Amino acid sequence: MKSAVTLSLVEQARSGPFLLHLDMERGCAAAAAAGFDAVEIFAPSADSLNARELRRLLTTHGLSLAALGTGAGWLVQRLTLTDPDLEVRARARQFVAGLVDFGGSFGAPAIIGSMQGRVAENQSREQALAWLAESLEQLAPRAHALGTVLLLEPLNRYETNLLNRLGDTAAFLGTLRTRNVRILVDLFHANIEERSISESIESLGPLLGHLHFVDSNRCAPGLGHLDFAPICSALVGIGYQGYASVEALPLPTPEAAAAASIMSFRRLFS
């Protein structure tokens, strides 16, 4: 298993759960200095990223690109893949597609979390899921052509009313024609929604594509009350070899949170 840390380049996300709120150069340097293997980038858009510069920085600091978040499409532009407006859904797909393409050039998947949207008032859940499925059927093959997968992240009930639980998300993926979508397990969301995180992870098996390594209070792992031992056993049991990516609040300081994260990673996964 490999470690990663989230790096936000979105001004509007300064209060979000990202240890690094810097420009790419300083962010990559800080990630490497803390001992992480990779960065997970939360970018304003694909157009805002410079592939040549990022490749140089990753090489210089011995890092990889773990994944790309697409949530700025919702946070900044209010786009979702389940918006009742056909034009808005098309723009949302275009936004995600740009990040799928960019990430694919680095062998990194794009994450659909908040961009999944929610069931709107006077709209059925079935319709919202049908619109989400329509987008995934287009975006996942695009990722496959680039040698990557598409990641779908269930969120807790306070952030969406569409996909909350891991089992429900897996069942939804089973209805798709594409088999190139994997599930991102965020331990903060799972702590709210799952009866047993470890059992839910075991039930996913190879559907697990990415892990947000974070504690119950959205702080760095080890600074909350999650029992990580059964979670780690479940990850080992299913043969997970992807990233444990820290998407946590920079508390008490970014440096202290990074140190706690790496300490927990090495203790649990060494």
C-alpha atoms as a PDB file:
ATOM      1  CA  MET A   1       0.000   0.000   0.000  1.00  0.00           C
ATOM      2  CA  LYS A   2       1.153   3.540  -0.775  1.00  0.00           C
ATOM      3  CA  SER A   3       0.575   6.812   1.058  1.00  0.00           C
ATOM      4  CA  ALA A   4      -0.810  10.014  -0.436  1.00  0.00           C
ATOM      5  CA  VAL A   5      -1.897  13.422   0.778  1.00  0.00           C
ATOM      6  CA  THR A   6      -4.454  15.826  -0.648  1.00  0.00           C
ATOM      7  CA  LEU A   7      -3.298  19.108  -2.141  1.00  0.00           C
ATOM      8  CA  SER A   8      -5.989  21.713  -2.820  1.00  0.00           C
ATOM      9  CA  LEU A   9      -5.421  24.346  -5.479  1.00  0.00           C
ATOM     10  CA  VAL A  10      -8.957  25.757  -5.099  1.00  0.00           C
ATOM     11  CA  GLU A  11      -9.247  29.080  -3.289  1.00  0.00           C
ATOM     12  CA  GLN A  12     -12.867  28.377  -2.315  1.00  0.00           C
ATOM     13  CA  ALA A  13     -11.788  25.174  -0.530  1.00  0.00           C
ATOM     14  CA  ARG A  14      -9.417  26.768   1.981  1.00  0.00           C
ATOM     15  CA  SER A  15     -11.611  25.584   4.861  1.00  0.00           C
ATOM     16  CA  GLY A  16     -11.863  22.073   3.443  1.00  0.00           C
ATOM     17  CA  PRO A  17     -10.200  18.813   4.535  1.00  0.00           C
ATOM     18  CA  PHE A  18      -6.854  19.285   2.831  1.00  0.00           C
ATOM     19  CA  LEU A  19      -3.519  19.228   4.619  1.00  0.00           C
ATOM     20  CA  LEU A  20      -1.891  21.258   1.857  1.00  0.00           C
ATOM     21  CA  HIS A  21      -3.430  24.504   0.620  1.00  0.00           C
ATOM     22  CA  LEU A  22      -0.482  25.673  -1.444  1.00  0.00           C
ATOM     23  CA  ASP A  23       0.618  26.117  -5.014  1.00  0.00           C
ATOM     24  CA  MET A  24       1.767  22.938  -6.741  1.00  0.00           C
ATOM     25  CA  GLU A  25       5.461  23.556  -6.274  1.00  0.00           C
ATOM     26  CA  ARG A  26       5.352  24.145  -2.534  1.00  0.00           C
ATOM     27  CA  GLY A  27       2.702  21.474  -2.092  1.00  0.00           C
ATOM     28  CA  CYS A  28       4.762  18.761  -3.770  1.00  0.00           C
ATOM     29  CA  ALA A  29       7.833  19.774  -1.791  1.00  0.00           C
ATOM     30  CA  ALA A  30       5.878  19.626   1.470  1.00  0.00           C
ATOM     31  CA  ALA A  31       4.363  16.224   0.622  1.00  0.00           C
ATOM     32  CA  ALA A  32       7.774  14.740  -0.133  1.00  0.00           C
ATOM     33  CA  ALA A  33       9.347  16.270   2.967  1.00  0.00           C
ATOM     34  CA  ALA A  34       6.630  14.730   5.140  1.00  0.00           C
ATOM     35  CA  GLY A  35       7.313  11.291   3.660  1.00  0.00           C
ATOM     36  CA  PHE A  36       4.287  10.729   1.418  1.00  0.00           C
ATOM     37  CA  ASP A  37       4.535   8.657  -1.754  1.00  0.00           C
ATOM     38  CA  ALA A  38       2.039  10.686  -3.793  1.00  0.00           C
ATOM     39  CA  VAL A  39      -0.275  13.670  -3.955  1.00  0.00           C
ATOM     40  CA  GLU A  40      -4.004  13.704  -4.645  1.00  0.00           C
ATOM     41  CA  ILE A  41      -4.833  17.012  -6.304  1.00  0.00           C
ATOM     42  CA  PHE A  42      -8.058  18.974  -5.915  1.00  0.00           C
ATOM     43  CA  ALA A  43      -7.934  21.381  -8.852  1.00  0.00           C
ATOM     44  CA  PRO A  44     -10.213  24.184 -10.078  1.00  0.00           C
ATOM     45  CA  SER A  45     -10.409  22.479 -13.502  1.00  0.00           C
ATOM     46  CA  ALA A  46      -8.302  20.539 -15.969  1.00  0.00           C
ATOM     47  CA  ASP A  47      -7.525  23.773 -17.804  1.00  0.00           C
ATOM     48  CA  SER A  48      -5.949  25.203 -14.647  1.00  0.00           C
ATOM     49  CA  LEU A  49      -3.307  22.447 -14.547  1.00  0.00           C
ATOM     50  CA  ASN A  50       0.020  22.417 -16.357  1.00  0.00           C
ATOM     51  CA  ALA A  51       0.934  18.814 -17.182  1.00  0.00           C
ATOM     52  CA  ARG A  52       4.569  19.544 -17.990  1.00  0.00           C
ATOM     53  CA  GLU A  53       5.100  21.453 -14.752  1.00  0.00           C
ATOM     54  CA  LEU A  54       3.353  18.815 -12.665  1.00  0.00           C
ATOM     55  CA  ARG A  55       5.398  16.048 -14.265  1.00  0.00           C
ATOM     56  CA  ARG A  56       8.588  17.992 -13.466  1.00  0.00           C
ATOM     57  CA  LEU A  57       7.554  18.481  -9.837  1.00  0.00           C
ATOM     58  CA  LEU A  58       6.582  14.849  -9.336  1.00  0.00           C
ATOM     59  CA  THR A  59       9.891  13.689 -10.784  1.00  0.00           C
ATOM     60  CA  THR A  60      11.907  16.190  -8.762  1.00  0.00           C
ATOM     61  CA  HIS A  61      10.315  15.136  -5.485  1.00  0.00           C
ATOM     62  CA  GLY A  62       9.955  11.417  -6.189  1.00  0.00           C
ATOM     63  CA  LEU A  63       6.161  11.515  -6.045  1.00  0.00           C
ATOM     64  CA  SER A  64       3.284  10.036  -8.025  1.00  0.00           C
ATOM     65  CA  LEU A  65      -0.156  11.440  -8.767  1.00  0.00           C
ATOM     66  CA  ALA A  66      -2.622   9.301  -6.790  1.00  0.00           C
ATOM     67  CA  ALA A  67      -5.903  10.781  -8.050  1.00  0.00           C
ATOM     68  CA  LEU A  68      -7.663  13.965  -9.127  1.00  0.00           C
ATOM     69  CA  GLY A  69     -10.702  15.358  -7.334  1.00  0.00           C
ATOM     70  CA  THR A  70     -13.531  16.809  -9.424  1.00  0.00           C
ATOM     71  CA  GLY A  71     -15.422  18.483  -6.583  1.00  0.00           C
ATOM     72  CA  ALA A  72     -14.548  22.009  -7.695  1.00  0.00           C
ATOM     73  CA  GLY A  73     -17.099  21.524 -10.468  1.00  0.00           C
ATOM     74  CA  TRP A  74     -19.750  21.611  -7.756  1.00  0.00           C
ATOM     75  CA  LEU A  75     -18.030  23.930  -5.277  1.00  0.00           C
ATOM     76  CA  VAL A  76     -17.137  26.644  -7.792  1.00  0.00           C
ATOM     77  CA  GLN A  77     -19.499  26.155 -10.735  1.00  0.00           C
ATOM     78  CA  ARG A  78     -22.465  24.366  -9.097  1.00  0.00           C
ATOM     79  CA  LEU A  79     -22.357  21.524 -11.631  1.00  0.00           C
ATOM     80  CA  THR A  80     -23.562  17.989 -10.907  1.00  0.00           C
ATOM     81  CA  LEU A  81     -24.148  14.901 -12.996  1.00  0.00           C
ATOM     82  CA  THR A  82     -27.723  14.646 -11.715  1.00  0.00           C
ATOM     83  CA  ASP A  83     -28.920  18.203 -12.247  1.00  0.00           C
ATOM     84  CA  PRO A  84     -32.457  18.246 -13.673  1.00  0.00           C
ATOM     85  CA  ASP A  85     -31.213  20.613 -16.397  1.00  0.00           C
ATOM     86  CA  LEU A  86     -29.873  18.690 -19.409  1.00  0.00           C
ATOM     87  CA  GLU A  87     -27.404  21.450 -20.288  1.00  0.00           C
ATOM     88  CA  VAL A  88     -25.987  21.562 -16.764  1.00  0.00           C
ATOM     89  CA  ARG A  89     -25.486  17.792 -16.779  1.00  0.00           C
ATOM     90  CA  ALA A  90     -23.665  18.055 -20.105  1.00  0.00           C
ATOM     91  CA  ARG A  91     -21.364  20.756 -18.717  1.00  0.00           C
ATOM     92  CA  ALA A  92     -20.739  18.628 -15.629  1.00  0.00           C
ATOM     93  CA  ARG A  93     -19.724  15.658 -17.787  1.00  0.00           C
ATOM     94  CA  GLN A  94     -17.420  17.889 -19.806  1.00  0.00           C
ATOM     95  CA  PHE A  95     -15.812  19.181 -16.599  1.00  0.00           C
ATOM     96  CA  VAL A  96     -15.203  15.657 -15.276  1.00  0.00           C
ATOM     97  CA  ALA A  97     -14.019  14.436 -18.686  1.00  0.00           C
ATOM     98  CA  GLY A  98     -11.283  17.068 -18.697  1.00  0.00           C
ATOM     99  CA  LEU A  99      -9.939  15.775 -15.392  1.00  0.00           C
ATOM    100  CA  VAL A 100     -10.296  12.153 -16.518  1.00  0.00           C
ATOM    101  CA  ASP A 101      -8.123  12.989 -19.521  1.00  0.00           C
ATOM    102  CA  PHE A 102      -5.559  14.920 -17.489  1.00  0.00           C
ATOM    103  CA  GLY A 103      -5.306  12.262 -14.810  1.00  0.00           C
ATOM    104  CA  GLY A 104      -5.129   9.516 -17.409  1.00  0.00           C
ATOM    105  CA  SER A 105      -1.919  10.970 -18.800  1.00  0.00           C
ATOM    106  CA  PHE A 106      -0.390  10.312 -15.351  1.00  0.00           C
ATOM    107  CA  GLY A 107      -2.075   6.952 -14.790  1.00  0.00           C
ATOM    108  CA  ALA A 108      -4.281   8.529 -12.119  1.00  0.00           C
ATOM    109  CA  PRO A 109      -8.067   8.174 -11.753  1.00  0.00           C
ATOM    110  CA  ALA A 110     -10.593  10.977 -11.352  1.00  0.00           C
ATOM    111  CA  ILE A 111     -12.928  10.988  -8.342  1.00  0.00           C
ATOM    112  CA  ILE A 112     -16.658  11.651  -8.520  1.00  0.00           C
ATOM    113  CA  GLY A 113     -17.797  12.651  -5.036  1.00  0.00           C
ATOM    114  CA  SER A 114     -19.862  15.802  -4.667  1.00  0.00           C
ATOM    115  CA  MET A 115     -20.298  15.929  -8.451  1.00  0.00           C
ATOM    116  CA  GLN A 116     -22.747  13.022  -8.107  1.00  0.00           C
ATOM    117  CA  GLY A 117     -25.241  15.593  -6.846  1.00  0.00           C
ATOM    118  CA  ARG A 118     -28.385  14.697  -4.935  1.00  0.00           C
ATOM    119  CA  VAL A 119     -32.036  13.866  -5.395  1.00  0.00           C
ATOM    120  CA  ALA A 120     -33.673  17.233  -5.981  1.00  0.00           C
ATOM    121  CA  GLU A 121     -37.092  18.267  -4.728  1.00  0.00           C
ATOM    122  CA  ASN A 122     -39.888  16.859  -6.910  1.00  0.00           C
ATOM    123  CA  GLN A 123     -37.408  14.410  -8.460  1.00  0.00           C
ATOM    124  CA  SER A 124     -37.323  10.649  -7.950  1.00  0.00           C
ATOM    125  CA  ARG A 125     -34.278   8.785  -6.730  1.00  0.00           C
ATOM    126  CA  GLU A 126     -34.605   6.455  -9.705  1.00  0.00           C
ATOM    127  CA  GLN A 127     -34.341   9.378 -12.113  1.00  0.00           C
ATOM    128  CA  ALA A 128     -31.296  10.815 -10.356  1.00  0.00           C
ATOM    129  CA  LEU A 129     -29.551   7.434 -10.441  1.00  0.00           C
ATOM    130  CA  ALA A 130     -30.451   7.034 -14.110  1.00  0.00           C
ATOM    131  CA  TRP A 131     -28.820  10.370 -14.911  1.00  0.00           C
ATOM    132  CA  LEU A 132     -25.743   9.419 -12.879  1.00  0.00           C
ATOM    133  CA  ALA A 133     -25.568   6.070 -14.648  1.00  0.00           C
ATOM    134  CA  GLU A 134     -25.791   7.800 -18.023  1.00  0.00           C
ATOM    135  CA  SER A 135     -22.742   9.915 -17.193  1.00  0.00           C
ATOM    136  CA  LEU A 136     -20.741   7.031 -15.767  1.00  0.00           C
ATOM    137  CA  GLU A 137     -21.418   4.967 -18.888  1.00  0.00           C
ATOM    138  CA  GLN A 138     -19.725   7.725 -20.895  1.00  0.00           C
ATOM    139  CA  LEU A 139     -16.928   8.682 -18.509  1.00  0.00           C
ATOM    140  CA  ALA A 140     -15.753   5.232 -17.375  1.00  0.00           C
ATOM    141  CA  PRO A 141     -14.907   3.969 -20.897  1.00  0.00           C
ATOM    142  CA  ARG A 142     -13.052   7.227 -21.445  1.00  0.00           C
ATOM    143  CA  ALA A 143     -10.928   6.441 -18.394  1.00  0.00           C
ATOM    144  CA  HIS A 144     -10.467   2.853 -19.563  1.00  0.00           C
ATOM    145  CA  ALA A 145      -9.077   4.067 -22.887  1.00  0.00           C
ATOM    146  CA  LEU A 146      -6.407   5.918 -20.902  1.00  0.00           C
ATOM    147  CA  GLY A 147      -5.581   2.910 -18.738  1.00  0.00           C
ATOM    148  CA  THR A 148      -7.293   4.141 -15.575  1.00  0.00           C
ATOM    149  CA  VAL A 149     -10.554   3.654 -13.714  1.00  0.00           C
ATOM    150  CA  LEU A 150     -13.230   6.074 -12.583  1.00  0.00           C
ATOM    151  CA  LEU A 151     -13.741   6.418  -8.832  1.00  0.00           C
ATOM    152  CA  LEU A 152     -17.174   6.913  -7.264  1.00  0.00           C
ATOM    153  CA  GLU A 153     -17.268   8.084  -3.655  1.00  0.00           C
ATOM    154  CA  PRO A 154     -20.373   7.593  -1.492  1.00  0.00           C
ATOM    155  CA  LEU A 155     -20.821  10.537   0.877  1.00  0.00           C
ATOM    156  CA  ASN A 156     -22.544  10.778   4.228  1.00  0.00           C
ATOM    157  CA  ARG A 157     -26.229  11.703   4.538  1.00  0.00           C
ATOM    158  CA  TYR A 158     -25.437  15.311   5.468  1.00  0.00           C
ATOM    159  CA  GLU A 159     -23.725  15.890   2.099  1.00  0.00           C
ATOM    160  CA  THR A 160     -25.957  13.952  -0.287  1.00  0.00           C
ATOM    161  CA  ASN A 161     -29.141  11.903  -0.277  1.00  0.00           C
ATOM    162  CA  LEU A 162     -28.110   9.884  -3.335  1.00  0.00           C
ATOM    163  CA  LEU A 163     -25.337   7.371  -2.506  1.00  0.00           C
ATOM    164  CA  ASN A 164     -24.383   7.057   1.158  1.00  0.00           C
ATOM    165  CA  ARG A 165     -23.558   3.436   1.890  1.00  0.00           C
ATOM    166  CA  LEU A 166     -20.901   1.237   0.347  1.00  0.00           C
ATOM    167  CA  GLY A 167     -23.227  -1.707  -0.273  1.00  0.00           C
ATOM    168  CA  ASP A 168     -25.795   0.460  -2.032  1.00  0.00           C
ATOM    169  CA  THR A 169     -23.054   1.962  -4.187  1.00  0.00           C
ATOM    170  CA  ALA A 170     -21.765  -1.473  -5.134  1.00  0.00           C
ATOM    171  CA  ALA A 171     -25.298  -2.584  -6.026  1.00  0.00           C
ATOM    172  CA  PHE A 172     -25.725   0.510  -8.208  1.00  0.00           C
ATOM    173  CA  LEU A 173     -22.473  -0.211 -10.043  1.00  0.00           C
ATOM    174  CA  GLY A 174     -23.763  -3.714 -10.700  1.00  0.00           C
ATOM    175  CA  THR A 175     -26.554  -2.231 -12.827  1.00  0.00           C
ATOM    176  CA  LEU A 176     -24.103  -0.536 -15.212  1.00  0.00           C
ATOM    177  CA  ARG A 177     -22.809  -1.936 -18.472  1.00  0.00           C
ATOM    178  CA  THR A 178     -19.351  -0.530 -17.800  1.00  0.00           C
ATOM    179  CA  ARG A 179     -17.145  -2.401 -15.342  1.00  0.00           C
ATOM    180  CA  ASN A 180     -14.563   0.361 -15.106  1.00  0.00           C
ATOM    181  CA  VAL A 181     -15.920   2.176 -12.042  1.00  0.00           C
ATOM    182  CA  ARG A 182     -14.416   1.498  -8.624  1.00  0.00           C
ATOM    183  CA  ILE A 183     -15.516   2.684  -5.190  1.00  0.00           C
ATOM    184  CA  LEU A 184     -13.620   5.198  -3.095  1.00  0.00           C
ATOM    185  CA  VAL A 185     -14.017   4.455   0.611  1.00  0.00           C
ATOM    186  CA  ASP A 186     -13.668   7.596   2.700  1.00  0.00           C
ATOM    187  CA  LEU A 187     -13.363   6.494   6.320  1.00  0.00           C
ATOM    188  CA  PHE A 188     -14.961   9.712   7.613  1.00  0.00           C
ATOM    189  CA  HIS A 189     -18.137   9.101   5.606  1.00  0.00           C
ATOM    190  CA  ALA A 190     -18.057   5.358   6.284  1.00  0.00           C
ATOM    191  CA  ASN A 191     -17.833   5.980  10.037  1.00  0.00           C
ATOM    192  CA  ILE A 192     -21.179   7.778   9.821  1.00  0.00           C
ATOM    193  CA  GLU A 193     -22.962   5.408   7.457  1.00  0.00           C
ATOM    194  CA  GLU A 194     -21.614   1.870   7.933  1.00  0.00           C
ATOM    195  CA  ARG A 195     -22.540  -0.557  10.702  1.00  0.00           C
ATOM    196  CA  SER A 196     -19.099  -2.121  10.342  1.00  0.00           C
ATOM    197  CA  ILE A 197     -16.497  -0.449   8.153  1.00  0.00           C
ATOM    198  CA  SER A 198     -14.314  -3.548   8.045  1.00  0.00           C
ATOM    199  CA  GLU A 199     -17.166  -5.841   6.990  1.00  0.00           C
ATOM    200  CA  SER A 200     -18.259  -3.371   4.323  1.00  0.00           C
ATOM    201  CA  ILE A 201     -14.714  -3.211   2.947  1.00  0.00           C
ATOM    202  CA  GLU A 202     -14.533  -7.001   2.884  1.00  0.00           C
ATOM    203  CA  SER A 203     -17.792  -7.135   0.923  1.00  0.00           C
ATOM    204  CA  LEU A 204     -16.407  -4.768  -1.728  1.00  0.00           C
ATOM    205  CA  GLY A 205     -13.379  -6.897  -2.568  1.00  0.00           C
ATOM    206  CA  PRO A 206     -11.897  -5.802  -5.901  1.00  0.00           C
ATOM    207  CA  LEU A 207     -14.455  -2.998  -6.245  1.00  0.00           C
ATOM    208  CA  LEU A 208     -12.399  -0.954  -3.773  1.00  0.00           C
ATOM    209  CA  GLY A 209     -10.336   1.426  -5.871  1.00  0.00           C
ATOM    210  CA  HIS A 210      -9.114   4.121  -3.478  1.00  0.00           C
ATOM    211  CA  LEU A 211      -9.061   4.905   0.237  1.00  0.00           C
ATOM    212  CA  HIS A 212      -9.355   8.223   2.028  1.00  0.00           C
ATOM    213  CA  PHE A 213      -7.312   7.561   5.163  1.00  0.00           C
ATOM    214  CA  VAL A 214      -8.808   9.821   7.807  1.00  0.00           C
ATOM    215  CA  ASP A 215     -10.180   9.606  11.322  1.00  0.00           C
ATOM    216  CA  SER A 216     -13.723   9.873  12.680  1.00  0.00           C
ATOM    217  CA  ASN A 217     -13.509  13.641  13.245  1.00  0.00           C
ATOM    218  CA  ARG A 218     -12.044  14.373   9.776  1.00  0.00           C
ATOM    219  CA  CYS A 219      -8.660  14.885  11.409  1.00  0.00           C
ATOM    220  CA  ALA A 220      -5.496  12.956  10.610  1.00  0.00           C
ATOM    221  CA  PRO A 221      -5.635   9.200  11.330  1.00  0.00           C
ATOM    222  CA  GLY A 222      -4.811   8.654  14.979  1.00  0.00           C
ATOM    223  CA  LEU A 223      -6.349  11.949  16.121  1.00  0.00           C
ATOM    224  CA  GLY A 224      -9.924  10.653  16.392  1.00  0.00           C
ATOM    225  CA  HIS A 225     -11.581   7.525  17.774  1.00  0.00           C
ATOM    226  CA  LEU A 226     -11.646   5.099  14.821  1.00  0.00           C
ATOM    227  CA  ASP A 227     -10.374   1.595  15.519  1.00  0.00           C
ATOM    228  CA  PHE A 228      -8.086   1.107  12.532  1.00  0.00           C
ATOM    229  CA  ALA A 229      -6.977  -2.458  13.334  1.00  0.00           C
ATOM    230  CA  PRO A 230     -10.029  -4.273  11.840  1.00  0.00           C
ATOM    231  CA  ILE A 231     -10.096  -1.834   8.920  1.00  0.00           C
ATOM    232  CA  CYS A 232      -6.474  -2.589   8.082  1.00  0.00           C
ATOM    233  CA  SER A 233      -7.083  -6.319   8.440  1.00  0.00           C
ATOM    234  CA  ALA A 234      -9.959  -6.039   5.968  1.00  0.00           C
ATOM    235  CA  LEU A 235      -7.798  -4.132   3.504  1.00  0.00           C
ATOM    236  CA  VAL A 236      -5.074  -6.755   3.739  1.00  0.00           C
ATOM    237  CA  GLY A 237      -7.659  -9.507   3.464  1.00  0.00           C
ATOM    238  CA  ILE A 238      -9.002  -8.290   0.126  1.00  0.00           C
ATOM    239  CA  GLY A 239      -5.503  -7.673  -1.201  1.00  0.00           C
ATOM    240  CA  TYR A 240      -5.888  -3.905  -1.523  1.00  0.00           C
ATOM    241  CA  GLN A 241      -2.672  -2.401  -2.888  1.00  0.00           C
ATOM    242  CA  GLY A 242      -3.797   1.107  -3.801  1.00  0.00           C
ATOM    243  CA  TYR A 243      -3.344   4.423  -2.027  1.00  0.00           C
ATOM    244  CA  ALA A 244      -4.220   5.392   1.517  1.00  0.00           C
ATOM    245  CA  SER A 245      -4.766   9.064   0.801  1.00  0.00           C
ATOM    246  CA  VAL A 246      -5.058  11.502   3.698  1.00  0.00           C
ATOM    247  CA  GLU A 247      -8.008  13.842   3.157  1.00  0.00           C
ATOM    248  CA  ALA A 248      -8.039  15.500   6.556  1.00  0.00           C
ATOM    249  CA  LEU A 249      -8.308  18.888   8.195  1.00  0.00           C
ATOM    250  CA  PRO A 250      -4.913  20.557   8.733  1.00  0.00           C
ATOM    251  CA  LEU A 251      -5.232  20.422  12.531  1.00  0.00           C
ATOM    252  CA  PRO A 252      -3.651  21.261  14.882  1.00  0.00           C
ATOM    253  CA  THR A 253      -1.262  22.430  12.142  1.00  0.00           C
ATOM    254  CA  PRO A 254      -0.629  21.089   8.633  1.00  0.00           C
ATOM    255  CA  GLU A 255       2.813  19.879   9.722  1.00  0.00           C
ATOM    256  CA  ALA A 256       1.515  18.103  12.826  1.00  0.00           C
ATOM    257  CA  ALA A 257      -1.336  16.510  10.877  1.00  0.00           C
ATOM    258  CA  ALA A 258       1.071  15.289   8.193  1.00  0.00           C
ATOM    259  CA  ALA A 259       3.415  13.829  10.806  1.00  0.00           C
ATOM    260  CA  ALA A 260       0.544  12.059  12.584  1.00  0.00           C
ATOM    261  CA  SER A 261      -0.719  10.673   9.273  1.00  0.00           C
ATOM    262  CA  ILE A 262       2.633   9.235   8.237  1.00  0.00           C
ATOM    263  CA  MET A 263       3.182   7.806  11.707  1.00  0.00           C
ATOM    264  CA  SER A 264      -0.205   6.055  11.590  1.00  0.00           C
ATOM    265  CA  PHE A 265       0.387   4.834   8.032  1.00  0.00           C
ATOM    266  CA  ARG A 266       3.739   3.280   8.887  1.00  0.00           C
ATOM    267  CA  ARG A 267       2.453   1.767  12.127  1.00  0.00           C
ATOM    268  CA  LEU A 268      -0.602   0.221  10.508  1.00  0.00           C
ATOM    269  CA  PHE A 269       0.686  -0.828   7.095  1.00  0.00           C
ATOM    270  CA  SER A 270       4.394  -1.521   7.535  1.00  0.00           C
END
